[in-house]
Structure formats: structure tokens, C-alpha cells
PDB file of N, CA and C in Angstrom:
ATOM      1  N   ASP A   1      18.890   5.577  -2.093  1.00  0.00           N
ATOM      2  CA  ASP A   1      18.291   6.879  -1.864  1.00  0.00           C
ATOM      3  C   ASP A   1      18.458   7.751  -3.099  1.00  0.00           C
ATOM      4  N   ILE A   2      17.460   8.527  -3.350  1.00  0.00           N
ATOM      5  CA  ILE A   2      17.496   9.456  -4.474  1.00  0.00           C
ATOM      6  C   ILE A   2      17.372  10.862  -3.906  1.00  0.00           C
ATOM      7  N   GLU A   3      18.316  11.699  -4.256  1.00  0.00           N
ATOM      8  CA  GLU A   3      18.289  13.071  -3.763  1.00  0.00           C
ATOM      9  C   GLU A   3      17.315  13.895  -4.597  1.00  0.00           C
ATOM     10  N   VAL A   4      16.445  14.607  -3.916  1.00  0.00           N
ATOM     11  CA  VAL A   4      15.452  15.447  -4.579  1.00  0.00           C
ATOM     12  C   VAL A   4      15.509  16.820  -3.933  1.00  0.00           C
ATOM     13  N   ILE A   5      15.615  17.839  -4.760  1.00  0.00           N
ATOM     14  CA  ILE A   5      15.640  19.203  -4.251  1.00  0.00           C
ATOM     15  C   ILE A   5      14.206  19.697  -4.151  1.00  0.00           C
ATOM     16  N   GLN A   6      13.853  20.129  -2.960  1.00  0.00           N
ATOM     17  CA  GLN A   6      12.497  20.607  -2.710  1.00  0.00           C
ATOM     18  C   GLN A   6      12.596  22.088  -2.346  1.00  0.00           C
ATOM     19  N   THR A   7      12.123  22.921  -3.228  1.00  0.00           N
ATOM     20  CA  THR A   7      12.203  24.362  -2.993  1.00  0.00           C
ATOM     21  C   THR A   7      10.870  24.886  -2.468  1.00  0.00           C
ATOM     22  N   PRO A   8      10.907  26.002  -1.757  1.00  0.00           N
ATOM     23  CA  PRO A   8       9.653  26.594  -1.284  1.00  0.00           C
ATOM     24  C   PRO A   8       8.694  26.906  -2.435  1.00  0.00           C
ATOM     25  N   LYS A   9       9.253  27.243  -3.595  1.00  0.00           N
ATOM     26  CA  LYS A   9       8.410  27.559  -4.756  1.00  0.00           C
ATOM     27  C   LYS A   9       7.541  26.359  -5.129  1.00  0.00           C
ATOM     28  N   HIS A  10       8.150  25.173  -5.169  1.00  0.00           N
ATOM     29  CA  HIS A  10       7.393  23.964  -5.509  1.00  0.00           C
ATOM     30  C   HIS A  10       6.295  23.698  -4.489  1.00  0.00           C
ATOM     31  N   VAL A  11       6.630  23.865  -3.217  1.00  0.00           N
ATOM     32  CA  VAL A  11       5.655  23.602  -2.161  1.00  0.00           C
ATOM     33  C   VAL A  11       4.494  24.595  -2.244  1.00  0.00           C
ATOM     34  N   LEU A  12       4.814  25.855  -2.487  1.00  0.00           N
ATOM     35  CA  LEU A  12       3.763  26.871  -2.604  1.00  0.00           C
ATOM     36  C   LEU A  12       2.862  26.619  -3.808  1.00  0.00           C
ATOM     37  N   GLU A  13       3.408  25.983  -4.841  1.00  0.00           N
ATOM     38  CA  GLU A  13       2.616  25.639  -6.027  1.00  0.00           C
ATOM     39  C   GLU A  13       1.764  24.389  -5.789  1.00  0.00           C
ATOM     40  N   GLY A  14       1.929  23.776  -4.607  1.00  0.00           N
ATOM     41  CA  GLY A  14       1.154  22.575  -4.296  1.00  0.00           C
ATOM     42  C   GLY A  14       1.776  21.303  -4.829  1.00  0.00           C
ATOM     43  N   ARG A  15       3.033  21.371  -5.230  1.00  0.00           N
ATOM     44  CA  ARG A  15       3.714  20.193  -5.767  1.00  0.00           C
ATOM     45  C   ARG A  15       4.487  19.495  -4.655  1.00  0.00           C
ATOM     46  N   ASP A  16       4.792  18.244  -4.858  1.00  0.00           N
ATOM     47  CA  ASP A  16       5.592  17.465  -3.920  1.00  0.00           C
ATOM     48  C   ASP A  16       6.688  16.772  -4.723  1.00  0.00           C
ATOM     49  N   PRO A  17       7.852  17.408  -4.860  1.00  0.00           N
ATOM     50  CA  PRO A  17       8.916  16.843  -5.683  1.00  0.00           C
ATOM     51  C   PRO A  17       9.356  15.444  -5.249  1.00  0.00           C
ATOM     52  N   GLN A  18       9.351  15.168  -3.941  1.00  0.00           N
ATOM     53  CA  GLN A  18       9.749  13.837  -3.479  1.00  0.00           C
ATOM     54  C   GLN A  18       8.759  12.780  -3.952  1.00  0.00           C
ATOM     55  N   LEU A  19       7.480  13.077  -3.840  1.00  0.00           N
ATOM     56  CA  LEU A  19       6.458  12.135  -4.292  1.00  0.00           C
ATOM     57  C   LEU A  19       6.515  11.955  -5.804  1.00  0.00           C
ATOM     58  N   GLU A  20       6.666  13.047  -6.528  1.00  0.00           N
ATOM     59  CA  GLU A  20       6.741  12.974  -7.988  1.00  0.00           C
ATOM     60  C   GLU A  20       7.918  12.108  -8.431  1.00  0.00           C
ATOM     61  N   LYS A  21       9.072  12.276  -7.794  1.00  0.00           N
ATOM     62  CA  LYS A  21      10.263  11.497  -8.157  1.00  0.00           C
ATOM     63  C   LYS A  21      10.073  10.026  -7.795  1.00  0.00           C
ATOM     64  N   SER A  22       9.440   9.759  -6.652  1.00  0.00           N
ATOM     65  CA  SER A  22       9.241   8.368  -6.260  1.00  0.00           C
ATOM     66  C   SER A  22       8.285   7.651  -7.212  1.00  0.00           C
ATOM     67  N   VAL A  23       7.238   8.332  -7.653  1.00  0.00           N
ATOM     68  CA  VAL A  23       6.308   7.734  -8.621  1.00  0.00           C
ATOM     69  C   VAL A  23       7.018   7.506  -9.949  1.00  0.00           C
ATOM     70  N   GLU A  24       7.818   8.473 -10.365  1.00  0.00           N
ATOM     71  CA  GLU A  24       8.585   8.340 -11.609  1.00  0.00           C
ATOM     72  C   GLU A  24       9.521   7.135 -11.532  1.00  0.00           C
ATOM     73  N   GLU A  25      10.194   6.967 -10.403  1.00  0.00           N
ATOM     74  CA  GLU A  25      11.118   5.843 -10.223  1.00  0.00           C
ATOM     75  C   GLU A  25      10.362   4.518 -10.185  1.00  0.00           C
ATOM     76  N   ALA A  26       9.221   4.475  -9.514  1.00  0.00           N
ATOM     77  CA  ALA A  26       8.427   3.246  -9.456  1.00  0.00           C
ATOM     78  C   ALA A  26       7.959   2.829 -10.847  1.00  0.00           C
ATOM     79  N   LEU A  27       7.506   3.785 -11.637  1.00  0.00           N
ATOM     80  CA  LEU A  27       7.065   3.477 -12.999  1.00  0.00           C
ATOM     81  C   LEU A  27       8.230   3.005 -13.860  1.00  0.00           C
ATOM     82  N   ARG A  28       9.395   3.592 -13.664  1.00  0.00           N
ATOM     83  CA  ARG A  28      10.588   3.175 -14.411  1.00  0.00           C
ATOM     84  C   ARG A  28      10.945   1.732 -14.061  1.00  0.00           C
ATOM     85  N   LEU A  29      10.909   1.400 -12.780  1.00  0.00           N
ATOM     86  CA  LEU A  29      11.245   0.041 -12.357  1.00  0.00           C
ATOM     87  C   LEU A  29      10.224  -0.976 -12.858  1.00  0.00           C
ATOM     88  N   LEU A  30       8.955  -0.591 -12.925  1.00  0.00           N
ATOM     89  CA  LEU A  30       7.935  -1.507 -13.439  1.00  0.00           C
ATOM     90  C   LEU A  30       8.181  -1.854 -14.901  1.00  0.00           C
ATOM     91  N   LYS A  31       8.761  -0.914 -15.648  1.00  0.00           N
ATOM     92  CA  LYS A  31       9.036  -1.166 -17.065  1.00  0.00           C
ATOM     93  C   LYS A  31      10.198  -2.127 -17.264  1.00  0.00           C
ATOM     94  N   ILE A  32      11.203  -2.084 -16.369  1.00  0.00           N
ATOM     95  CA  ILE A  32      12.417  -2.868 -16.612  1.00  0.00           C
ATOM     96  C   ILE A  32      12.493  -4.152 -15.796  1.00  0.00           C
ATOM     97  N   GLU A  33      11.728  -4.274 -14.722  1.00  0.00           N
ATOM     98  CA  GLU A  33      11.808  -5.462 -13.883  1.00  0.00           C
ATOM     99  C   GLU A  33      10.526  -6.274 -13.999  1.00  0.00           C
ATOM    100  N   GLU A  34      10.705  -7.588 -14.090  1.00  0.00           N
ATOM    101  CA  GLU A  34       9.552  -8.471 -14.205  1.00  0.00           C
ATOM    102  C   GLU A  34       8.871  -8.615 -12.848  1.00  0.00           C
ATOM    103  N   PHE A  35       7.572  -8.673 -12.863  1.00  0.00           N
ATOM    104  CA  PHE A  35       6.828  -8.895 -11.628  1.00  0.00           C
ATOM    105  C   PHE A  35       5.635  -9.782 -11.934  1.00  0.00           C
ATOM    106  N   GLN A  36       5.196 -10.476 -10.917  1.00  0.00           N
ATOM    107  CA  GLN A  36       4.026 -11.338 -11.065  1.00  0.00           C
ATOM    108  C   GLN A  36       3.025 -10.982  -9.980  1.00  0.00           C
ATOM    109  N   ILE A  37       1.779 -10.934 -10.358  1.00  0.00           N
ATOM    110  CA  ILE A  37       0.724 -10.687  -9.387  1.00  0.00           C
ATOM    111  C   ILE A  37       0.433 -12.005  -8.683  1.00  0.00           C
ATOM    112  N   LYS A  38       0.528 -11.992  -7.380  1.00  0.00           N
ATOM    113  CA  LYS A  38       0.290 -13.209  -6.612  1.00  0.00           C
ATOM    114  C   LYS A  38      -1.212 -13.437  -6.479  1.00  0.00           C
ATOM    115  N   PRO A  39      -1.619 -14.710  -6.427  1.00  0.00           N
ATOM    116  CA  PRO A  39      -3.052 -14.988  -6.285  1.00  0.00           C
ATOM    117  C   PRO A  39      -3.555 -14.513  -4.926  1.00  0.00           C
ATOM    118  N   GLU A  40      -4.818 -14.158  -4.905  1.00  0.00           N
ATOM    119  CA  GLU A  40      -5.433 -13.686  -3.665  1.00  0.00           C
ATOM    120  C   GLU A  40      -5.562 -14.852  -2.693  1.00  0.00           C
ATOM    121  N   PRO A  41      -5.202 -14.645  -1.430  1.00  0.00           N
ATOM    122  CA  PRO A  41      -5.317 -15.752  -0.472  1.00  0.00           C
ATOM    123  C   PRO A  41      -6.779 -16.121  -0.232  1.00  0.00           C
ATOM    124  N   ALA A  42      -6.967 -17.330   0.241  1.00  0.00           N
ATOM    125  CA  ALA A  42      -8.326 -17.803   0.525  1.00  0.00           C
ATOM    126  C   ALA A  42      -8.943 -16.956   1.633  1.00  0.00           C
ATOM    127  N   ALA A  43     -10.243 -16.798   1.560  1.00  0.00           N
ATOM    128  CA  ALA A  43     -10.950 -16.019   2.575  1.00  0.00           C
ATOM    129  C   ALA A  43     -10.884 -16.749   3.916  1.00  0.00           C
ATOM    130  N   PRO A  44     -10.839 -16.002   5.010  1.00  0.00           N
ATOM    131  CA  PRO A  44     -10.805 -16.660   6.318  1.00  0.00           C
ATOM    132  C   PRO A  44     -12.122 -17.389   6.599  1.00  0.00           C
ATOM    133  N   VAL A  45     -12.040 -18.416   7.411  1.00  0.00           N
ATOM    134  CA  VAL A  45     -13.236 -19.165   7.791  1.00  0.00           C
ATOM    135  C   VAL A  45     -13.960 -18.354   8.861  1.00  0.00           C
ATOM    136  N   ARG A  46     -15.189 -18.020   8.606  1.00  0.00           N
ATOM    137  CA  ARG A  46     -15.986 -17.247   9.564  1.00  0.00           C
ATOM    138  C   ARG A  46     -17.229 -18.058   9.918  1.00  0.00           C
ATOM    139  N   TRP A  47     -17.597 -18.024  11.168  1.00  0.00           N
ATOM    140  CA  TRP A  47     -18.787 -18.741  11.601  1.00  0.00           C
ATOM    141  C   TRP A  47     -19.393 -18.010  12.778  1.00  0.00           C
ATOM    142  N   LYS A  48     -20.666 -18.272  12.979  1.00  0.00           N
ATOM    143  CA  LYS A  48     -21.380 -17.691  14.109  1.00  0.00           C
ATOM    144  C   LYS A  48     -21.618 -18.780  15.145  1.00  0.00           C
ATOM    145  N   ARG A  49     -21.643 -18.359  16.381  1.00  0.00           N
ATOM    146  CA  ARG A  49     -21.990 -19.304  17.438  1.00  0.00           C
ATOM    147  C   ARG A  49     -23.489 -19.577  17.353  1.00  0.00           C
ATOM    148  N   PRO A  50     -23.892 -20.787  17.652  1.00  0.00           N
ATOM    149  CA  PRO A  50     -25.320 -21.110  17.574  1.00  0.00           C
ATOM    150  C   PRO A  50     -26.123 -20.331  18.620  1.00  0.00           C
ATOM    151  N   GLU A  51     -27.404 -20.155  18.335  1.00  0.00           N
ATOM    152  CA  GLU A  51     -28.303 -19.478  19.274  1.00  0.00           C
ATOM    153  C   GLU A  51     -28.244 -20.183  20.624  1.00  0.00           C
ATOM    154  N   GLY A  52     -28.211 -19.407  21.694  1.00  0.00           N
ATOM    155  CA  GLY A  52     -28.211 -19.977  23.035  1.00  0.00           C
ATOM    156  C   GLY A  52     -26.843 -20.413  23.519  1.00  0.00           C
ATOM    157  N   TYR A  53     -25.802 -20.193  22.746  1.00  0.00           N
ATOM    158  CA  TYR A  53     -24.450 -20.587  23.155  1.00  0.00           C
ATOM    159  C   TYR A  53     -24.044 -19.798  24.383  1.00  0.00           C
ATOM    160  N   GLN A  54     -23.477 -20.488  25.367  1.00  0.00           N
ATOM    161  CA  GLN A  54     -22.962 -19.822  26.558  1.00  0.00           C
ATOM    162  C   GLN A  54     -21.537 -20.289  26.780  1.00  0.00           C
ATOM    163  N   ASN A  55     -20.667 -19.349  27.051  1.00  0.00           N
ATOM    164  CA  ASN A  55     -19.268 -19.663  27.294  1.00  0.00           C
ATOM    165  C   ASN A  55     -19.141 -20.300  28.674  1.00  0.00           C
ATOM    166  N   SER A  56     -18.544 -21.470  28.763  1.00  0.00           N
ATOM    167  CA  SER A  56     -18.426 -22.172  30.043  1.00  0.00           C
ATOM    168  C   SER A  56     -17.287 -21.610  30.899  1.00  0.00           C
ATOM    169  N   ASN A  57     -16.509 -20.684  30.384  1.00  0.00           N
ATOM    170  CA  ASN A  57     -15.398 -20.108  31.142  1.00  0.00           C
ATOM    171  C   ASN A  57     -15.844 -18.982  32.062  1.00  0.00           C
ATOM    172  N   ASN A  58     -17.074 -18.554  31.982  1.00  0.00           N
ATOM    173  CA  ASN A  58     -17.539 -17.425  32.815  1.00  0.00           C
ATOM    174  C   ASN A  58     -18.049 -17.887  34.142  1.00  0.00           C
TER     175      ASN A  58
END
């Protein structure tokens, strides 16, 4: 956890100190820690039922 002081002045100015600190920390970690982009998974198999298909469970 990172302690962030959030004053009414910052909020009235439209700032979000917690968000700003979290983005700053994320960017810092990206610089020092190695990461790999994982490959995109295969697309799901999609199909249509043939014309005239009727469900036998009804």
C-alpha cells in the first residue's frame, strides 16, 4: 500500500492524487521489471445452425 494525502484543494482542482500516484508507480515498475506480452488466444469457434434446424428437446 502507498499512502497518498488527498486534500480538498486537489479534489476541487479536479485532480485525483491516488490515481496520479498509482500511474506514477505503474510506470516506475514498468521501467525496472521485465514483462512479456502474451500472444493473443485463438478466436473461439463460432458456427450457425443450418436453416430449418429444430431442437429435439422441445
